[in-house]
């Protein structure tokens, strides 16, 4: 995916009501760049706590699958059908 396409899709997710970070998390998860919260945090240089918070918001919006146990050291980032459609 070209940089301009990536940015345009992130902008579209933002217009749909998600934060910029949430949009990037959703895009990265859909593209297979980060399958869990720690990998995303490390790869994109974002605090893991911020990624976890956004993952909860995305899950509550119906864009990410179940997050797993709350005490898990990392959470899976798996888009729902709705999340995948928004990221495509």
PDB file of N, CA and C in Angstrom:
ATOM      1  N   UNK A   1       0.836  -1.167   0.000  1.00  0.00           N
ATOM      2  CA  UNK A   1       0.000   0.000   0.000  1.00  0.00           C
ATOM      3  C   UNK A   1       0.889   1.242   0.000  1.00  0.00           C
ATOM      4  N   UNK A   2       0.572   2.179  -0.849  1.00  0.00           N
ATOM      5  CA  UNK A   2       1.329   3.426  -0.939  1.00  0.00           C
ATOM      6  C   UNK A   2       1.049   4.314   0.276  1.00  0.00           C
ATOM      7  N   UNK A   3       1.986   5.199   0.575  1.00  0.00           N
ATOM      8  CA  UNK A   3       1.847   6.101   1.710  1.00  0.00           C
ATOM      9  C   UNK A   3       0.604   6.964   1.651  1.00  0.00           C
ATOM     10  N   UNK A   4       0.271   7.462   0.460  1.00  0.00           N
ATOM     11  CA  UNK A   4      -0.913   8.314   0.315  1.00  0.00           C
ATOM     12  C   UNK A   4      -2.189   7.518   0.572  1.00  0.00           C
ATOM     13  N   UNK A   5      -2.233   6.259   0.110  1.00  0.00           N
ATOM     14  CA  UNK A   5      -3.398   5.405   0.363  1.00  0.00           C
ATOM     15  C   UNK A   5      -3.554   5.134   1.857  1.00  0.00           C
ATOM     16  N   UNK A   6      -2.440   4.828   2.506  1.00  0.00           N
ATOM     17  CA  UNK A   6      -2.433   4.555   3.948  1.00  0.00           C
ATOM     18  C   UNK A   6      -2.991   5.761   4.699  1.00  0.00           C
ATOM     19  N   UNK A   7      -2.479   6.952   4.374  1.00  0.00           N
ATOM     20  CA  UNK A   7      -2.922   8.174   5.043  1.00  0.00           C
ATOM     21  C   UNK A   7      -4.388   8.451   4.772  1.00  0.00           C
ATOM     22  N   UNK A   8      -4.836   8.244   3.553  1.00  0.00           N
ATOM     23  CA  UNK A   8      -6.245   8.478   3.211  1.00  0.00           C
ATOM     24  C   UNK A   8      -7.158   7.537   3.992  1.00  0.00           C
ATOM     25  N   UNK A   9      -6.753   6.295   4.155  1.00  0.00           N
ATOM     26  CA  UNK A   9      -7.571   5.340   4.917  1.00  0.00           C
ATOM     27  C   UNK A   9      -7.606   5.706   6.393  1.00  0.00           C
ATOM     28  N   UNK A  10      -6.476   6.127   6.929  1.00  0.00           N
ATOM     29  CA  UNK A  10      -6.438   6.566   8.328  1.00  0.00           C
ATOM     30  C   UNK A  10      -7.343   7.776   8.511  1.00  0.00           C
ATOM     31  N   UNK A  11      -7.281   8.723   7.582  1.00  0.00           N
ATOM     32  CA  UNK A  11      -8.162   9.897   7.646  1.00  0.00           C
ATOM     33  C   UNK A  11      -9.629   9.489   7.613  1.00  0.00           C
ATOM     34  N   UNK A  12      -9.977   8.506   6.792  1.00  0.00           N
ATOM     35  CA  UNK A  12     -11.368   8.040   6.693  1.00  0.00           C
ATOM     36  C   UNK A  12     -11.824   7.406   8.005  1.00  0.00           C
ATOM     37  N   UNK A  13     -10.951   6.650   8.649  1.00  0.00           N
ATOM     38  CA  UNK A  13     -11.297   6.040   9.937  1.00  0.00           C
ATOM     39  C   UNK A  13     -11.489   7.128  10.988  1.00  0.00           C
ATOM     40  N   UNK A  14     -10.657   8.160  10.946  1.00  0.00           N
ATOM     41  CA  UNK A  14     -10.828   9.293  11.862  1.00  0.00           C
ATOM     42  C   UNK A  14     -12.171   9.975  11.638  1.00  0.00           C
ATOM     43  N   UNK A  15     -12.522  10.186  10.380  1.00  0.00           N
ATOM     44  CA  UNK A  15     -13.813  10.821  10.079  1.00  0.00           C
ATOM     45  C   UNK A  15     -14.983   9.968  10.561  1.00  0.00           C
ATOM     46  N   UNK A  16     -14.753   8.665  10.667  1.00  0.00           N
ATOM     47  CA  UNK A  16     -15.793   7.760  11.166  1.00  0.00           C
ATOM     48  C   UNK A  16     -15.885   7.792  12.696  1.00  0.00           C
ATOM     49  N   UNK A  17     -15.046   8.612  13.344  1.00  0.00           N
ATOM     50  CA  UNK A  17     -15.178   8.818  14.781  1.00  0.00           C
ATOM     51  C   UNK A  17     -14.081   8.256  15.659  1.00  0.00           C
ATOM     52  N   UNK A  18     -13.037   7.699  15.075  1.00  0.00           N
ATOM     53  CA  UNK A  18     -11.942   7.145  15.877  1.00  0.00           C
ATOM     54  C   UNK A  18     -10.793   8.144  15.966  1.00  0.00           C
ATOM     55  N   UNK A  19      -9.959   7.970  16.986  1.00  0.00           N
ATOM     56  CA  UNK A  19      -8.781   8.827  17.124  1.00  0.00           C
ATOM     57  C   UNK A  19      -7.744   8.444  16.069  1.00  0.00           C
ATOM     58  N   UNK A  20      -6.766   9.295  15.903  1.00  0.00           N
ATOM     59  CA  UNK A  20      -5.682   9.005  14.955  1.00  0.00           C
ATOM     60  C   UNK A  20      -4.953   7.718  15.359  1.00  0.00           C
ATOM     61  N   UNK A  21      -4.646   7.590  16.650  1.00  0.00           N
ATOM     62  CA  UNK A  21      -3.965   6.385  17.115  1.00  0.00           C
ATOM     63  C   UNK A  21      -4.843   5.156  16.901  1.00  0.00           C
ATOM     64  N   UNK A  22      -6.117   5.261  17.196  1.00  0.00           N
ATOM     65  CA  UNK A  22      -7.032   4.144  16.970  1.00  0.00           C
ATOM     66  C   UNK A  22      -7.068   3.743  15.509  1.00  0.00           C
ATOM     67  N   UNK A  23      -7.059   4.734  14.635  1.00  0.00           N
ATOM     68  CA  UNK A  23      -7.073   4.465  13.195  1.00  0.00           C
ATOM     69  C   UNK A  23      -5.804   3.731  12.765  1.00  0.00           C
ATOM     70  N   UNK A  24      -4.665   4.146  13.288  1.00  0.00           N
ATOM     71  CA  UNK A  24      -3.398   3.489  12.931  1.00  0.00           C
ATOM     72  C   UNK A  24      -3.370   2.061  13.485  1.00  0.00           C
ATOM     73  N   UNK A  25      -3.863   1.870  14.701  1.00  0.00           N
ATOM     74  CA  UNK A  25      -3.923   0.521  15.277  1.00  0.00           C
ATOM     75  C   UNK A  25      -4.777  -0.379  14.395  1.00  0.00           C
ATOM     76  N   UNK A  26      -5.941   0.105  14.007  1.00  0.00           N
ATOM     77  CA  UNK A  26      -6.842  -0.694  13.175  1.00  0.00           C
ATOM     78  C   UNK A  26      -6.205  -1.018  11.824  1.00  0.00           C
ATOM     79  N   UNK A  27      -5.578  -0.034  11.198  1.00  0.00           N
ATOM     80  CA  UNK A  27      -4.919  -0.258   9.909  1.00  0.00           C
ATOM     81  C   UNK A  27      -3.768  -1.258  10.047  1.00  0.00           C
ATOM     82  N   UNK A  28      -2.955  -1.106  11.084  1.00  0.00           N
ATOM     83  CA  UNK A  28      -1.816  -2.008  11.282  1.00  0.00           C
ATOM     84  C   UNK A  28      -2.289  -3.431  11.554  1.00  0.00           C
ATOM     85  N   UNK A  29      -3.348  -3.560  12.328  1.00  0.00           N
ATOM     86  CA  UNK A  29      -3.893  -4.891  12.615  1.00  0.00           C
ATOM     87  C   UNK A  29      -4.430  -5.529  11.337  1.00  0.00           C
ATOM     88  N   UNK A  30      -5.147  -4.764  10.552  1.00  0.00           N
ATOM     89  CA  UNK A  30      -5.718  -5.283   9.309  1.00  0.00           C
ATOM     90  C   UNK A  30      -4.620  -5.657   8.307  1.00  0.00           C
ATOM     91  N   UNK A  31      -3.543  -4.891   8.286  1.00  0.00           N
ATOM     92  CA  UNK A  31      -2.440  -5.147   7.353  1.00  0.00           C
ATOM     93  C   UNK A  31      -1.493  -6.246   7.842  1.00  0.00           C
ATOM     94  N   UNK A  32      -1.717  -6.759   9.056  1.00  0.00           N
ATOM     95  CA  UNK A  32      -0.856  -7.802   9.595  1.00  0.00           C
ATOM     96  C   UNK A  32       0.472  -7.283  10.122  1.00  0.00           C
ATOM     97  N   UNK A  33       0.544  -5.990  10.380  1.00  0.00           N
ATOM     98  CA  UNK A  33       1.785  -5.387  10.868  1.00  0.00           C
ATOM     99  C   UNK A  33       1.963  -5.545  12.372  1.00  0.00           C
ATOM    100  N   UNK A  34       0.867  -5.771  13.086  1.00  0.00           N
ATOM    101  CA  UNK A  34       0.927  -5.918  14.541  1.00  0.00           C
ATOM    102  C   UNK A  34      -0.262  -6.760  14.990  1.00  0.00           C
ATOM    103  N   UNK A  35       0.013  -7.960  15.454  1.00  0.00           N
ATOM    104  CA  UNK A  35      -1.056  -8.851  15.882  1.00  0.00           C
ATOM    105  C   UNK A  35      -1.432  -8.701  17.339  1.00  0.00           C
ATOM    106  N   UNK A  36      -0.607  -7.946  18.089  1.00  0.00           N
ATOM    107  CA  UNK A  36      -0.934  -7.735  19.496  1.00  0.00           C
ATOM    108  C   UNK A  36      -0.467  -6.348  19.931  1.00  0.00           C
ATOM    109  N   UNK A  37      -0.939  -5.947  21.099  1.00  0.00           N
ATOM    110  CA  UNK A  37      -0.706  -4.585  21.584  1.00  0.00           C
ATOM    111  C   UNK A  37       0.770  -4.278  21.832  1.00  0.00           C
ATOM    112  N   UNK A  38       1.513  -5.215  22.373  1.00  0.00           N
ATOM    113  CA  UNK A  38       2.936  -4.956  22.642  1.00  0.00           C
ATOM    114  C   UNK A  38       3.733  -4.812  21.350  1.00  0.00           C
ATOM    115  N   UNK A  39       3.438  -5.658  20.384  1.00  0.00           N
ATOM    116  CA  UNK A  39       4.125  -5.553  19.093  1.00  0.00           C
ATOM    117  C   UNK A  39       3.847  -4.203  18.462  1.00  0.00           C
ATOM    118  N   UNK A  40       2.585  -3.764  18.493  1.00  0.00           N
ATOM    119  CA  UNK A  40       2.246  -2.458  17.936  1.00  0.00           C
ATOM    120  C   UNK A  40       3.011  -1.362  18.671  1.00  0.00           C
ATOM    121  N   UNK A  41       2.984  -1.388  20.004  1.00  0.00           N
ATOM    122  CA  UNK A  41       3.650  -0.355  20.801  1.00  0.00           C
ATOM    123  C   UNK A  41       5.134  -0.276  20.463  1.00  0.00           C
ATOM    124  N   UNK A  42       5.772  -1.416  20.374  1.00  0.00           N
ATOM    125  CA  UNK A  42       7.204  -1.462  20.064  1.00  0.00           C
ATOM    126  C   UNK A  42       7.476  -0.984  18.642  1.00  0.00           C
ATOM    127  N   UNK A  43       6.704  -1.484  17.688  1.00  0.00           N
ATOM    128  CA  UNK A  43       6.936  -1.167  16.280  1.00  0.00           C
ATOM    129  C   UNK A  43       6.684   0.310  15.969  1.00  0.00           C
ATOM    130  N   UNK A  44       5.678   0.896  16.612  1.00  0.00           N
ATOM    131  CA  UNK A  44       5.310   2.276  16.295  1.00  0.00           C
ATOM    132  C   UNK A  44       5.801   3.286  17.326  1.00  0.00           C
ATOM    133  N   UNK A  45       6.522   2.827  18.352  1.00  0.00           N
ATOM    134  CA  UNK A  45       7.097   3.732  19.334  1.00  0.00           C
ATOM    135  C   UNK A  45       6.064   4.463  20.176  1.00  0.00           C
ATOM    136  N   UNK A  46       5.019   3.733  20.583  1.00  0.00           N
ATOM    137  CA  UNK A  46       3.932   4.309  21.381  1.00  0.00           C
ATOM    138  C   UNK A  46       3.898   3.579  22.718  1.00  0.00           C
ATOM    139  N   UNK A  47       3.588   4.288  23.781  1.00  0.00           N
ATOM    140  CA  UNK A  47       3.473   3.647  25.089  1.00  0.00           C
ATOM    141  C   UNK A  47       2.411   2.550  25.049  1.00  0.00           C
ATOM    142  N   UNK A  48       2.749   1.405  25.616  1.00  0.00           N
ATOM    143  CA  UNK A  48       1.830   0.267  25.596  1.00  0.00           C
ATOM    144  C   UNK A  48       0.496   0.609  26.264  1.00  0.00           C
ATOM    145  N   UNK A  49       0.520   1.389  27.321  1.00  0.00           N
ATOM    146  CA  UNK A  49      -0.723   1.770  28.006  1.00  0.00           C
ATOM    147  C   UNK A  49      -1.665   2.523  27.070  1.00  0.00           C
ATOM    148  N   UNK A  50      -1.116   3.374  26.209  1.00  0.00           N
ATOM    149  CA  UNK A  50      -1.955   4.107  25.249  1.00  0.00           C
ATOM    150  C   UNK A  50      -2.563   3.160  24.223  1.00  0.00           C
ATOM    151  N   UNK A  51      -1.788   2.181  23.790  1.00  0.00           N
ATOM    152  CA  UNK A  51      -2.296   1.200  22.828  1.00  0.00           C
ATOM    153  C   UNK A  51      -3.422   0.389  23.467  1.00  0.00           C
ATOM    154  N   UNK A  52      -3.233  -0.029  24.720  1.00  0.00           N
ATOM    155  CA  UNK A  52      -4.282  -0.783  25.414  1.00  0.00           C
ATOM    156  C   UNK A  52      -5.563   0.034  25.528  1.00  0.00           C
ATOM    157  N   UNK A  53      -5.425   1.299  25.887  1.00  0.00           N
ATOM    158  CA  UNK A  53      -6.607   2.163  26.019  1.00  0.00           C
ATOM    159  C   UNK A  53      -7.342   2.272  24.687  1.00  0.00           C
ATOM    160  N   UNK A  54      -6.616   2.494  23.605  1.00  0.00           N
ATOM    161  CA  UNK A  54      -7.248   2.601  22.283  1.00  0.00           C
ATOM    162  C   UNK A  54      -7.857   1.273  21.848  1.00  0.00           C
ATOM    163  N   UNK A  55      -7.213   0.162  22.201  1.00  0.00           N
ATOM    164  CA  UNK A  55      -7.763  -1.152  21.852  1.00  0.00           C
ATOM    165  C   UNK A  55      -9.115  -1.360  22.528  1.00  0.00           C
ATOM    166  N   UNK A  56      -9.250  -0.920  23.767  1.00  0.00           N
ATOM    167  CA  UNK A  56     -10.537  -1.020  24.469  1.00  0.00           C
ATOM    168  C   UNK A  56     -11.581  -0.172  23.759  1.00  0.00           C
ATOM    169  N   UNK A  57     -11.221   1.033  23.373  1.00  0.00           N
ATOM    170  CA  UNK A  57     -12.151   1.920  22.658  1.00  0.00           C
ATOM    171  C   UNK A  57     -12.575   1.280  21.335  1.00  0.00           C
ATOM    172  N   UNK A  58     -11.623   0.726  20.596  1.00  0.00           N
ATOM    173  CA  UNK A  58     -11.941   0.068  19.322  1.00  0.00           C
ATOM    174  C   UNK A  58     -12.829  -1.154  19.538  1.00  0.00           C
ATOM    175  N   UNK A  59     -12.561  -1.898  20.595  1.00  0.00           N
ATOM    176  CA  UNK A  59     -13.394  -3.065  20.912  1.00  0.00           C
ATOM    177  C   UNK A  59     -14.821  -2.622  21.249  1.00  0.00           C
ATOM    178  N   UNK A  60     -14.952  -1.599  22.073  1.00  0.00           N
ATOM    179  CA  UNK A  60     -16.277  -1.107  22.457  1.00  0.00           C
ATOM    180  C   UNK A  60     -17.043  -0.551  21.262  1.00  0.00           C
ATOM    181  N   UNK A  61     -16.325  -0.074  20.254  1.00  0.00           N
ATOM    182  CA  UNK A  61     -16.952   0.435  19.029  1.00  0.00           C
ATOM    183  C   UNK A  61     -17.276  -0.693  18.050  1.00  0.00           C
ATOM    184  N   UNK A  62     -16.921  -1.928  18.408  1.00  0.00           N
ATOM    185  CA  UNK A  62     -17.202  -3.069  17.543  1.00  0.00           C
ATOM    186  C   UNK A  62     -16.217  -3.236  16.403  1.00  0.00           C
ATOM    187  N   UNK A  63     -15.016  -2.661  16.544  1.00  0.00           N
ATOM    188  CA  UNK A  63     -14.022  -2.709  15.473  1.00  0.00           C
ATOM    189  C   UNK A  63     -12.912  -3.727  15.716  1.00  0.00           C
ATOM    190  N   UNK A  64     -12.716  -4.141  16.973  1.00  0.00           N
ATOM    191  CA  UNK A  64     -11.745  -5.183  17.319  1.00  0.00           C
ATOM    192  C   UNK A  64     -12.462  -6.313  18.041  1.00  0.00           C
ATOM    193  N   UNK A  65     -11.969  -7.534  17.824  1.00  0.00           N
ATOM    194  CA  UNK A  65     -12.518  -8.711  18.512  1.00  0.00           C
ATOM    195  C   UNK A  65     -12.246  -8.610  20.011  1.00  0.00           C
ATOM    196  N   UNK A  66     -12.715  -9.602  20.761  1.00  0.00           N
ATOM    197  CA  UNK A  66     -12.511  -9.645  22.211  1.00  0.00           C
ATOM    198  C   UNK A  66     -11.031  -9.480  22.540  1.00  0.00           C
ATOM    199  N   UNK A  67     -10.776  -8.801  23.630  1.00  0.00           N
ATOM    200  CA  UNK A  67      -9.412  -8.427  23.972  1.00  0.00           C
ATOM    201  C   UNK A  67      -8.671  -9.449  24.817  1.00  0.00           C
ATOM    202  N   UNK A  68      -9.322 -10.486  25.284  1.00  0.00           N
ATOM    203  CA  UNK A  68      -8.662 -11.467  26.133  1.00  0.00           C
ATOM    204  C   UNK A  68      -8.719 -11.048  27.586  1.00  0.00           C
ATOM    205  N   UNK A  69      -8.047 -11.781  28.463  1.00  0.00           N
ATOM    206  CA  UNK A  69      -8.102 -11.485  29.896  1.00  0.00           C
ATOM    207  C   UNK A  69      -7.519 -10.108  30.211  1.00  0.00           C
ATOM    208  N   UNK A  70      -8.152  -9.372  31.134  1.00  0.00           N
ATOM    209  CA  UNK A  70      -7.664  -8.025  31.452  1.00  0.00           C
ATOM    210  C   UNK A  70      -6.269  -7.999  32.063  1.00  0.00           C
ATOM    211  N   UNK A  71      -5.828  -9.105  32.659  1.00  0.00           N
ATOM    212  CA  UNK A  71      -4.498  -9.124  33.275  1.00  0.00           C
ATOM    213  C   UNK A  71      -3.419  -9.671  32.339  1.00  0.00           C
ATOM    214  N   UNK A  72      -3.767  -9.921  31.092  1.00  0.00           N
ATOM    215  CA  UNK A  72      -2.789 -10.427  30.120  1.00  0.00           C
ATOM    216  C   UNK A  72      -1.760  -9.337  29.812  1.00  0.00           C
ATOM    217  N   UNK A  73      -0.489  -9.709  29.615  1.00  0.00           N
ATOM    218  CA  UNK A  73       0.543  -8.708  29.344  1.00  0.00           C
ATOM    219  C   UNK A  73       0.447  -8.086  27.951  1.00  0.00           C
ATOM    220  N   UNK A  74      -0.320  -8.703  27.089  1.00  0.00           N
ATOM    221  CA  UNK A  74      -0.543  -8.157  25.750  1.00  0.00           C
ATOM    222  C   UNK A  74      -1.935  -8.554  25.313  1.00  0.00           C
ATOM    223  N   UNK A  75      -2.511  -7.770  24.430  1.00  0.00           N
ATOM    224  CA  UNK A  75      -3.859  -8.039  23.938  1.00  0.00           C
ATOM    225  C   UNK A  75      -3.813  -8.259  22.435  1.00  0.00           C
ATOM    226  N   UNK A  76      -4.567  -9.235  21.926  1.00  0.00           N
ATOM    227  CA  UNK A  76      -4.602  -9.438  20.477  1.00  0.00           C
ATOM    228  C   UNK A  76      -5.274  -8.259  19.784  1.00  0.00           C
ATOM    229  N   UNK A  77      -4.820  -7.948  18.591  1.00  0.00           N
ATOM    230  CA  UNK A  77      -5.420  -6.886  17.777  1.00  0.00           C
ATOM    231  C   UNK A  77      -5.990  -7.548  16.528  1.00  0.00           C
ATOM    232  N   UNK A  78      -7.245  -7.967  16.614  1.00  0.00           N
ATOM    233  CA  UNK A  78      -7.906  -8.673  15.517  1.00  0.00           C
ATOM    234  C   UNK A  78      -9.149  -7.890  15.118  1.00  0.00           C
ATOM    235  N   UNK A  79      -9.156  -7.296  13.937  1.00  0.00           N
ATOM    236  CA  UNK A  79     -10.328  -6.524  13.518  1.00  0.00           C
ATOM    237  C   UNK A  79     -11.565  -7.411  13.354  1.00  0.00           C
ATOM    238  N   UNK A  80     -12.720  -6.867  13.721  1.00  0.00           N
ATOM    239  CA  UNK A  80     -13.990  -7.521  13.422  1.00  0.00           C
ATOM    240  C   UNK A  80     -14.261  -7.326  11.932  1.00  0.00           C
ATOM    241  N   UNK A  81     -15.325  -7.919  11.432  1.00  0.00           N
ATOM    242  CA  UNK A  81     -15.690  -7.711  10.024  1.00  0.00           C
ATOM    243  C   UNK A  81     -15.919  -6.227   9.763  1.00  0.00           C
ATOM    244  N   UNK A  82     -16.559  -5.557  10.704  1.00  0.00           N
ATOM    245  CA  UNK A  82     -16.802  -4.115  10.559  1.00  0.00           C
ATOM    246  C   UNK A  82     -15.485  -3.329  10.564  1.00  0.00           C
ATOM    247  N   UNK A  83     -14.581  -3.697  11.468  1.00  0.00           N
ATOM    248  CA  UNK A  83     -13.281  -3.038  11.529  1.00  0.00           C
ATOM    249  C   UNK A  83     -12.465  -3.270  10.271  1.00  0.00           C
ATOM    250  N   UNK A  84     -12.500  -4.494   9.769  1.00  0.00           N
ATOM    251  CA  UNK A  84     -11.769  -4.821   8.541  1.00  0.00           C
ATOM    252  C   UNK A  84     -12.323  -4.042   7.357  1.00  0.00           C
ATOM    253  N   UNK A  85     -13.646  -3.920   7.286  1.00  0.00           N
ATOM    254  CA  UNK A  85     -14.261  -3.166   6.186  1.00  0.00           C
ATOM    255  C   UNK A  85     -13.873  -1.696   6.249  1.00  0.00           C
ATOM    256  N   UNK A  86     -13.796  -1.159   7.455  1.00  0.00           N
ATOM    257  CA  UNK A  86     -13.418   0.245   7.620  1.00  0.00           C
ATOM    258  C   UNK A  86     -11.958   0.463   7.231  1.00  0.00           C
ATOM    259  N   UNK A  87     -11.105  -0.515   7.518  1.00  0.00           N
ATOM    260  CA  UNK A  87      -9.675  -0.394   7.225  1.00  0.00           C
ATOM    261  C   UNK A  87      -9.330  -0.712   5.772  1.00  0.00           C
ATOM    262  N   UNK A  88     -10.228  -1.365   5.048  1.00  0.00           N
ATOM    263  CA  UNK A  88      -9.954  -1.717   3.644  1.00  0.00           C
ATOM    264  C   UNK A  88     -10.335  -0.616   2.684  1.00  0.00           C
TER     265      UNK A  88
END
